[in-house]
Amino acid sequence: MGETKVDKTAVIDEGAKIGEGTSVWAFVQVGKNAVVGRNCVLGNGCYIDREAKIGDNAKVMNKAQVFRGCSVGNNVFIGPGAVIANDKRPKHDTERKFKGCEWNIGNDVSIGANAVILPDVNIGEFALVGAGSVVTRDVPKHGLVYGNPAKLHGFACECREKMALLSKDEKEAVLQCEKCKKEIRIQAELLSRIE
């Protein structure tokens, strides 16, 4: 693990924790009591809101924003300009109450540039969110979503390639990666959501 590097223009608020080996680039802001894990990259101008949580080995690219209420897992990629929002009904003179409120971006998720994840939307492990998408509902584990609003277009392997249907019964479907041949099992009902 390398040393933690924080650019002199970054603003790290009181109580924020930055993990060992993390690089914090120019004009980043990390809010009060936010937690950023080990070996992360916070790109130029990104914003991590107070009390937000970022796991280990995450990359939050230039100008991306992660707002309070969201917990981001390990090995996550958040593309440039992406926004993980936190208020369903924003208003200039009110603030959402966050006590007991949390939603998650799972481990090994990739979120494309300029995507918007709406409040209280959970993203399952290994999911892929296409660039420019507006994600309005939960994304299943391994889900491949894109569009506005984002729709499920299939499932992605851990190696990031699309998976093909091998077999299914009433309860379960077996998918196989078109590249590495790894297999996963999903609930058969999820297939009906694919556009």
C-alpha atoms as a PDB file:
ATOM      1  CA  MET A   1       0.000   0.000   0.000  1.00  0.00           C
ATOM      2  CA  GLY A   2       1.297   3.439  -0.911  1.00  0.00           C
ATOM      3  CA  GLU A   3       1.084   6.663   0.998  1.00  0.00           C
ATOM      4  CA  THR A   4      -2.020   8.833   1.002  1.00  0.00           C
ATOM      5  CA  LYS A   5      -1.707  11.853  -1.313  1.00  0.00           C
ATOM      6  CA  VAL A   6      -3.923  14.911  -0.915  1.00  0.00           C
ATOM      7  CA  ASP A   7      -3.553  17.849  -3.307  1.00  0.00           C
ATOM      8  CA  LYS A   8      -3.094  21.207  -1.583  1.00  0.00           C
ATOM      9  CA  THR A   9      -6.275  22.554  -3.225  1.00  0.00           C
ATOM     10  CA  ALA A  10      -8.481  19.754  -1.850  1.00  0.00           C
ATOM     11  CA  VAL A  11     -10.867  20.546   1.009  1.00  0.00           C
ATOM     12  CA  ILE A  12     -11.134  17.761   3.583  1.00  0.00           C
ATOM     13  CA  ASP A  13     -13.672  18.657   6.261  1.00  0.00           C
ATOM     14  CA  GLU A  14     -13.342  17.897   9.959  1.00  0.00           C
ATOM     15  CA  GLY A  15     -13.991  14.272  10.847  1.00  0.00           C
ATOM     16  CA  ALA A  16     -13.567  12.985   7.280  1.00  0.00           C
ATOM     17  CA  LYS A  17     -11.445   9.838   7.008  1.00  0.00           C
ATOM     18  CA  ILE A  18      -9.215   9.138   4.002  1.00  0.00           C
ATOM     19  CA  GLY A  19      -7.774   5.616   3.784  1.00  0.00           C
ATOM     20  CA  GLU A  20      -4.151   4.675   3.330  1.00  0.00           C
ATOM     21  CA  GLY A  21      -2.859   4.777  -0.246  1.00  0.00           C
ATOM     22  CA  THR A  22      -5.706   6.987  -1.499  1.00  0.00           C
ATOM     23  CA  SER A  23      -5.000   9.818  -3.973  1.00  0.00           C
ATOM     24  CA  VAL A  24      -7.079  12.982  -3.660  1.00  0.00           C
ATOM     25  CA  TRP A  25      -6.622  15.247  -6.684  1.00  0.00           C
ATOM     26  CA  ALA A  26      -7.097  18.991  -7.189  1.00  0.00           C
ATOM     27  CA  PHE A  27     -10.241  20.790  -6.039  1.00  0.00           C
ATOM     28  CA  VAL A  28     -11.822  17.711  -4.439  1.00  0.00           C
ATOM     29  CA  GLN A  29     -14.160  18.284  -1.505  1.00  0.00           C
ATOM     30  CA  VAL A  30     -14.766  15.595   1.122  1.00  0.00           C
ATOM     31  CA  GLY A  31     -17.491  16.496   3.620  1.00  0.00           C
ATOM     32  CA  LYS A  32     -17.631  16.198   7.389  1.00  0.00           C
ATOM     33  CA  ASN A  33     -17.570  12.593   8.670  1.00  0.00           C
ATOM     34  CA  ALA A  34     -17.315  11.117   5.169  1.00  0.00           C
ATOM     35  CA  VAL A  35     -15.317   7.884   4.912  1.00  0.00           C
ATOM     36  CA  VAL A  36     -13.123   7.096   1.905  1.00  0.00           C
ATOM     37  CA  GLY A  37     -11.423   3.683   1.904  1.00  0.00           C
ATOM     38  CA  ARG A  38      -7.903   2.538   1.078  1.00  0.00           C
ATOM     39  CA  ASN A  39      -6.248   2.799  -2.349  1.00  0.00           C
ATOM     40  CA  CYS A  40      -8.980   4.984  -3.835  1.00  0.00           C
ATOM     41  CA  VAL A  41      -8.703   7.726  -6.438  1.00  0.00           C
ATOM     42  CA  LEU A  42     -10.774  10.880  -6.052  1.00  0.00           C
ATOM     43  CA  GLY A  43     -10.433  12.691  -9.383  1.00  0.00           C
ATOM     44  CA  ASN A  44     -10.218  16.412 -10.044  1.00  0.00           C
ATOM     45  CA  GLY A  45     -13.145  18.388  -8.647  1.00  0.00           C
ATOM     46  CA  CYS A  46     -15.194  15.458  -7.363  1.00  0.00           C
ATOM     47  CA  TYR A  47     -17.461  15.888  -4.355  1.00  0.00           C
ATOM     48  CA  ILE A  48     -18.003  13.405  -1.543  1.00  0.00           C
ATOM     49  CA  ASP A  49     -20.808  14.690   0.682  1.00  0.00           C
ATOM     50  CA  ARG A  50     -20.747  14.619   4.463  1.00  0.00           C
ATOM     51  CA  GLU A  51     -21.267  11.153   5.944  1.00  0.00           C
ATOM     52  CA  ALA A  52     -21.051   9.436   2.532  1.00  0.00           C
ATOM     53  CA  LYS A  53     -19.104   6.169   2.530  1.00  0.00           C
ATOM     54  CA  ILE A  54     -16.726   4.966  -0.180  1.00  0.00           C
ATOM     55  CA  GLY A  55     -15.160   1.479   0.043  1.00  0.00           C
ATOM     56  CA  ASP A  56     -11.616   0.373  -0.794  1.00  0.00           C
ATOM     57  CA  ASN A  57     -10.069   0.520  -4.296  1.00  0.00           C
ATOM     58  CA  ALA A  58     -12.800   2.818  -5.648  1.00  0.00           C
ATOM     59  CA  LYS A  59     -12.277   5.345  -8.427  1.00  0.00           C
ATOM     60  CA  VAL A  60     -14.477   8.425  -8.311  1.00  0.00           C
ATOM     61  CA  MET A  61     -13.519  10.278 -11.462  1.00  0.00           C
ATOM     62  CA  ASN A  62     -13.389  13.995 -12.304  1.00  0.00           C
ATOM     63  CA  LYS A  63     -16.414  16.073 -11.263  1.00  0.00           C
ATOM     64  CA  ALA A  64     -18.393  13.038 -10.023  1.00  0.00           C
ATOM     65  CA  GLN A  65     -20.591  13.626  -6.975  1.00  0.00           C
ATOM     66  CA  VAL A  66     -21.585  11.169  -4.243  1.00  0.00           C
ATOM     67  CA  PHE A  67     -24.164  12.605  -1.892  1.00  0.00           C
ATOM     68  CA  ARG A  68     -24.989  11.757   1.703  1.00  0.00           C
ATOM     69  CA  GLY A  69     -27.101   8.665   2.295  1.00  0.00           C
ATOM     70  CA  CYS A  70     -25.259   6.478  -0.201  1.00  0.00           C
ATOM     71  CA  SER A  71     -22.755   3.782   0.697  1.00  0.00           C
ATOM     72  CA  VAL A  72     -20.393   2.804  -2.135  1.00  0.00           C
ATOM     73  CA  GLY A  73     -18.761  -0.648  -2.059  1.00  0.00           C
ATOM     74  CA  ASN A  74     -15.254  -1.848  -2.856  1.00  0.00           C
ATOM     75  CA  ASN A  75     -13.704  -1.825  -6.356  1.00  0.00           C
ATOM     76  CA  VAL A  76     -16.339   0.582  -7.706  1.00  0.00           C
ATOM     77  CA  PHE A  77     -15.787   2.864 -10.714  1.00  0.00           C
ATOM     78  CA  ILE A  78     -17.823   6.081 -10.845  1.00  0.00           C
ATOM     79  CA  GLY A  79     -17.247   7.821 -14.168  1.00  0.00           C
ATOM     80  CA  PRO A  80     -16.610  11.518 -14.800  1.00  0.00           C
ATOM     81  CA  GLY A  81     -19.550  13.778 -14.046  1.00  0.00           C
ATOM     82  CA  ALA A  82     -21.713  10.982 -12.610  1.00  0.00           C
ATOM     83  CA  VAL A  83     -24.079  11.964  -9.796  1.00  0.00           C
ATOM     84  CA  ILE A  84     -25.436   9.798  -7.006  1.00  0.00           C
ATOM     85  CA  ALA A  85     -28.292  12.023  -5.822  1.00  0.00           C
ATOM     86  CA  ASN A  86     -29.965  11.958  -2.426  1.00  0.00           C
ATOM     87  CA  ASP A  87     -33.175  13.972  -2.344  1.00  0.00           C
ATOM     88  CA  LYS A  88     -36.359  12.872  -4.121  1.00  0.00           C
ATOM     89  CA  ARG A  89     -38.105  16.189  -3.570  1.00  0.00           C
ATOM     90  CA  PRO A  90     -35.415  18.866  -3.407  1.00  0.00           C
ATOM     91  CA  LYS A  91     -36.458  22.332  -2.333  1.00  0.00           C
ATOM     92  CA  HIS A  92     -34.374  25.391  -1.592  1.00  0.00           C
ATOM     93  CA  ASP A  93     -35.533  25.761   2.000  1.00  0.00           C
ATOM     94  CA  THR A  94     -35.707  22.151   3.209  1.00  0.00           C
ATOM     95  CA  GLU A  95     -33.258  19.329   3.819  1.00  0.00           C
ATOM     96  CA  ARG A  96     -33.997  15.625   3.714  1.00  0.00           C
ATOM     97  CA  LYS A  97     -33.751  13.784   7.034  1.00  0.00           C
ATOM     98  CA  PHE A  98     -31.108  11.067   6.765  1.00  0.00           C
ATOM     99  CA  LYS A  99     -31.390   9.361  10.137  1.00  0.00           C
ATOM    100  CA  GLY A 100     -31.673   5.617   9.427  1.00  0.00           C
ATOM    101  CA  CYS A 101     -31.597   6.227   5.662  1.00  0.00           C
ATOM    102  CA  GLU A 102     -29.027   4.441   3.502  1.00  0.00           C
ATOM    103  CA  TRP A 103     -28.863   2.862   0.062  1.00  0.00           C
ATOM    104  CA  ASN A 104     -25.984   1.037  -1.590  1.00  0.00           C
ATOM    105  CA  ILE A 105     -23.813   0.795  -4.648  1.00  0.00           C
ATOM    106  CA  GLY A 106     -22.527  -2.813  -4.442  1.00  0.00           C
ATOM    107  CA  ASN A 107     -18.982  -4.080  -4.813  1.00  0.00           C
ATOM    108  CA  ASP A 108     -17.409  -4.134  -8.297  1.00  0.00           C
ATOM    109  CA  VAL A 109     -20.036  -1.839  -9.885  1.00  0.00           C
ATOM    110  CA  SER A 110     -19.120   0.387 -12.850  1.00  0.00           C
ATOM    111  CA  ILE A 111     -21.072   3.591 -13.457  1.00  0.00           C
ATOM    112  CA  GLY A 112     -20.472   5.375 -16.767  1.00  0.00           C
ATOM    113  CA  ALA A 113     -19.740   9.065 -17.326  1.00  0.00           C
ATOM    114  CA  ASN A 114     -22.562  11.529 -16.614  1.00  0.00           C
ATOM    115  CA  ALA A 115     -24.925   8.848 -15.298  1.00  0.00           C
ATOM    116  CA  VAL A 116     -27.410   9.908 -12.619  1.00  0.00           C
ATOM    117  CA  ILE A 117     -28.431   7.489  -9.875  1.00  0.00           C
ATOM    118  CA  LEU A 118     -31.600   8.718  -8.204  1.00  0.00           C
ATOM    119  CA  PRO A 119     -32.061   8.656  -4.413  1.00  0.00           C
ATOM    120  CA  ASP A 120     -32.750   5.365  -2.638  1.00  0.00           C
ATOM    121  CA  VAL A 121     -31.783   3.282  -5.692  1.00  0.00           C
ATOM    122  CA  ASN A 122     -29.621   0.246  -4.905  1.00  0.00           C
ATOM    123  CA  ILE A 123     -27.166  -1.113  -7.458  1.00  0.00           C
ATOM    124  CA  GLY A 124     -26.251  -4.813  -7.104  1.00  0.00           C
ATOM    125  CA  GLU A 125     -22.719  -6.222  -7.230  1.00  0.00           C
ATOM    126  CA  PHE A 126     -20.970  -6.390 -10.629  1.00  0.00           C
ATOM    127  CA  ALA A 127     -23.665  -4.248 -12.292  1.00  0.00           C
ATOM    128  CA  LEU A 128     -22.834  -1.960 -15.220  1.00  0.00           C
ATOM    129  CA  VAL A 129     -24.554   1.403 -15.700  1.00  0.00           C
ATOM    130  CA  GLY A 130     -24.125   2.947 -19.143  1.00  0.00           C
ATOM    131  CA  ALA A 131     -22.861   6.483 -19.689  1.00  0.00           C
ATOM    132  CA  GLY A 132     -25.557   9.159 -19.536  1.00  0.00           C
ATOM    133  CA  SER A 133     -28.126   6.848 -17.953  1.00  0.00           C
ATOM    134  CA  VAL A 134     -30.744   8.008 -15.460  1.00  0.00           C
ATOM    135  CA  VAL A 135     -31.258   5.125 -13.039  1.00  0.00           C
ATOM    136  CA  THR A 136     -34.692   5.319 -11.432  1.00  0.00           C
ATOM    137  CA  ARG A 137     -35.075   1.825  -9.941  1.00  0.00           C
ATOM    138  CA  ASP A 138     -32.920  -0.827  -8.289  1.00  0.00           C
ATOM    139  CA  VAL A 139     -30.448  -2.694 -10.507  1.00  0.00           C
ATOM    140  CA  PRO A 140     -30.001  -6.432  -9.838  1.00  0.00           C
ATOM    141  CA  LYS A 141     -26.662  -8.079  -9.234  1.00  0.00           C
ATOM    142  CA  HIS A 142     -24.777  -8.331 -12.581  1.00  0.00           C
ATOM    143  CA  GLY A 143     -27.447  -6.121 -14.240  1.00  0.00           C
ATOM    144  CA  LEU A 144     -26.535  -4.197 -17.408  1.00  0.00           C
ATOM    145  CA  VAL A 145     -28.622  -1.008 -17.560  1.00  0.00           C
ATOM    146  CA  TYR A 146     -28.592   2.059 -19.777  1.00  0.00           C
ATOM    147  CA  GLY A 147     -30.868   4.740 -21.171  1.00  0.00           C
ATOM    148  CA  ASN A 148     -33.171   7.430 -19.808  1.00  0.00           C
ATOM    149  CA  PRO A 149     -34.811   6.062 -17.829  1.00  0.00           C
ATOM    150  CA  ALA A 150     -32.313   3.214 -17.560  1.00  0.00           C
ATOM    151  CA  LYS A 151     -33.696  -0.190 -18.473  1.00  0.00           C
ATOM    152  CA  LEU A 152     -32.280  -3.661 -17.971  1.00  0.00           C
ATOM    153  CA  HIS A 153     -30.623  -4.839 -21.212  1.00  0.00           C
ATOM    154  CA  GLY A 154     -29.004  -8.024 -19.944  1.00  0.00           C
ATOM    155  CA  PHE A 155     -26.437  -9.188 -17.435  1.00  0.00           C
ATOM    156  CA  ALA A 156     -22.677  -8.649 -17.169  1.00  0.00           C
ATOM    157  CA  CYS A 157     -19.921 -10.961 -16.004  1.00  0.00           C
ATOM    158  CA  GLU A 158     -17.301 -10.026 -13.443  1.00  0.00           C
ATOM    159  CA  CYS A 159     -14.961  -9.574 -16.433  1.00  0.00           C
ATOM    160  CA  ARG A 160     -17.446  -6.921 -17.740  1.00  0.00           C
ATOM    161  CA  GLU A 161     -18.607  -8.866 -20.813  1.00  0.00           C
ATOM    162  CA  LYS A 162     -22.255  -9.600 -21.580  1.00  0.00           C
ATOM    163  CA  MET A 163     -23.696 -12.945 -20.510  1.00  0.00           C
ATOM    164  CA  ALA A 164     -25.884 -15.298 -22.557  1.00  0.00           C
ATOM    165  CA  LEU A 165     -28.723 -17.508 -21.339  1.00  0.00           C
ATOM    166  CA  LEU A 166     -27.705 -21.169 -20.959  1.00  0.00           C
ATOM    167  CA  SER A 167     -30.809 -22.593 -19.311  1.00  0.00           C
ATOM    168  CA  LYS A 168     -33.781 -21.693 -17.148  1.00  0.00           C
ATOM    169  CA  ASP A 169     -36.640 -23.178 -15.203  1.00  0.00           C
ATOM    170  CA  GLU A 170     -39.504 -21.512 -13.344  1.00  0.00           C
ATOM    171  CA  LYS A 171     -37.293 -20.224 -10.534  1.00  0.00           C
ATOM    172  CA  GLU A 172     -33.732 -19.917 -11.801  1.00  0.00           C
ATOM    173  CA  ALA A 173     -31.796 -19.032 -14.940  1.00  0.00           C
ATOM    174  CA  VAL A 174     -28.165 -19.892 -15.681  1.00  0.00           C
ATOM    175  CA  LEU A 175     -26.151 -17.356 -17.658  1.00  0.00           C
ATOM    176  CA  GLN A 176     -22.675 -17.788 -19.147  1.00  0.00           C
ATOM    177  CA  CYS A 177     -20.127 -15.137 -20.057  1.00  0.00           C
ATOM    178  CA  GLU A 178     -19.558 -14.928 -23.794  1.00  0.00           C
ATOM    179  CA  LYS A 179     -15.829 -14.331 -23.211  1.00  0.00           C
ATOM    180  CA  CYS A 180     -14.533 -16.087 -20.058  1.00  0.00           C
ATOM    181  CA  LYS A 181     -17.317 -18.735 -19.870  1.00  0.00           C
ATOM    182  CA  LYS A 182     -18.006 -18.086 -16.173  1.00  0.00           C
ATOM    183  CA  GLU A 183     -21.563 -19.004 -15.147  1.00  0.00           C
ATOM    184  CA  ILE A 184     -23.929 -17.215 -12.769  1.00  0.00           C
ATOM    185  CA  ARG A 185     -27.430 -17.987 -11.516  1.00  0.00           C
ATOM    186  CA  ILE A 186     -30.196 -15.392 -11.318  1.00  0.00           C
ATOM    187  CA  GLN A 187     -33.905 -15.429 -10.510  1.00  0.00           C
ATOM    188  CA  ALA A 188     -35.741 -16.441 -13.694  1.00  0.00           C
ATOM    189  CA  GLU A 189     -38.267 -13.629 -13.214  1.00  0.00           C
ATOM    190  CA  LEU A 190     -35.511 -11.069 -13.853  1.00  0.00           C
ATOM    191  CA  LEU A 191     -35.356 -12.169 -17.498  1.00  0.00           C
ATOM    192  CA  SER A 192     -38.798 -10.652 -18.060  1.00  0.00           C
ATOM    193  CA  ARG A 193     -37.380  -7.205 -17.216  1.00  0.00           C
ATOM    194  CA  ILE A 194     -34.860  -7.273 -20.088  1.00  0.00           C
ATOM    195  CA  GLU A 195     -35.713  -4.780 -22.819  1.00  0.00           C
END
